[in-house]
Amino acid sequence: MMKKIVAIVNDIDVAQVYGELSHAHSGGLCVFVGTVREFTQNEKVMSLEFETYEKMALKEMDKIATAAMDKWNLNKVLIRHAVGLKKVEEPVVVVGASSAHRDACFEACRYLIDTLKETVPIWKKEVFENKTVWVSAHP
């Protein structure tokens, strides 16, 4: 059974991801978790704030998941992005794939995060000690 999970959420629980990607026909799974880092270009980050056009974001995320499943013959795919204010070290995005063999998982996982950052309408604002900056979607 092939399964894909795409979601926009307020909070990401990375502990649940293994169970969501586990599959009897999979010999492995790969997961990437994006988090808020403390420094950007030598400036201390207090938090990040994410906004999205949810309906369009989910449609694009579904398209990415379907393309990955078709290209790498995956058993399961997961794409989940958080919105709202996130503090340093909090997870903001998680993508993952499970398949019979590891090469497909690694390649698919890279494709999922790179394509998500390029095409999904999610906007990020960096909050520093003395200013805020909207960040380009494609740095």
Foldseek 3Di string as FASTA:
>chain_A
DAEEAEEEAAADDPVCVCVQADDPLFPDKDKDWDFAAQDDPRFGFFKKAKDAPGVQLRVQLVVLQVVLCVVLVFRYKYWYAYGGIGGGPGTGIMIMTTHHDDVSGVVSNVSSVVVSLVDGGMWMWTHGPPDIHTDDSPD
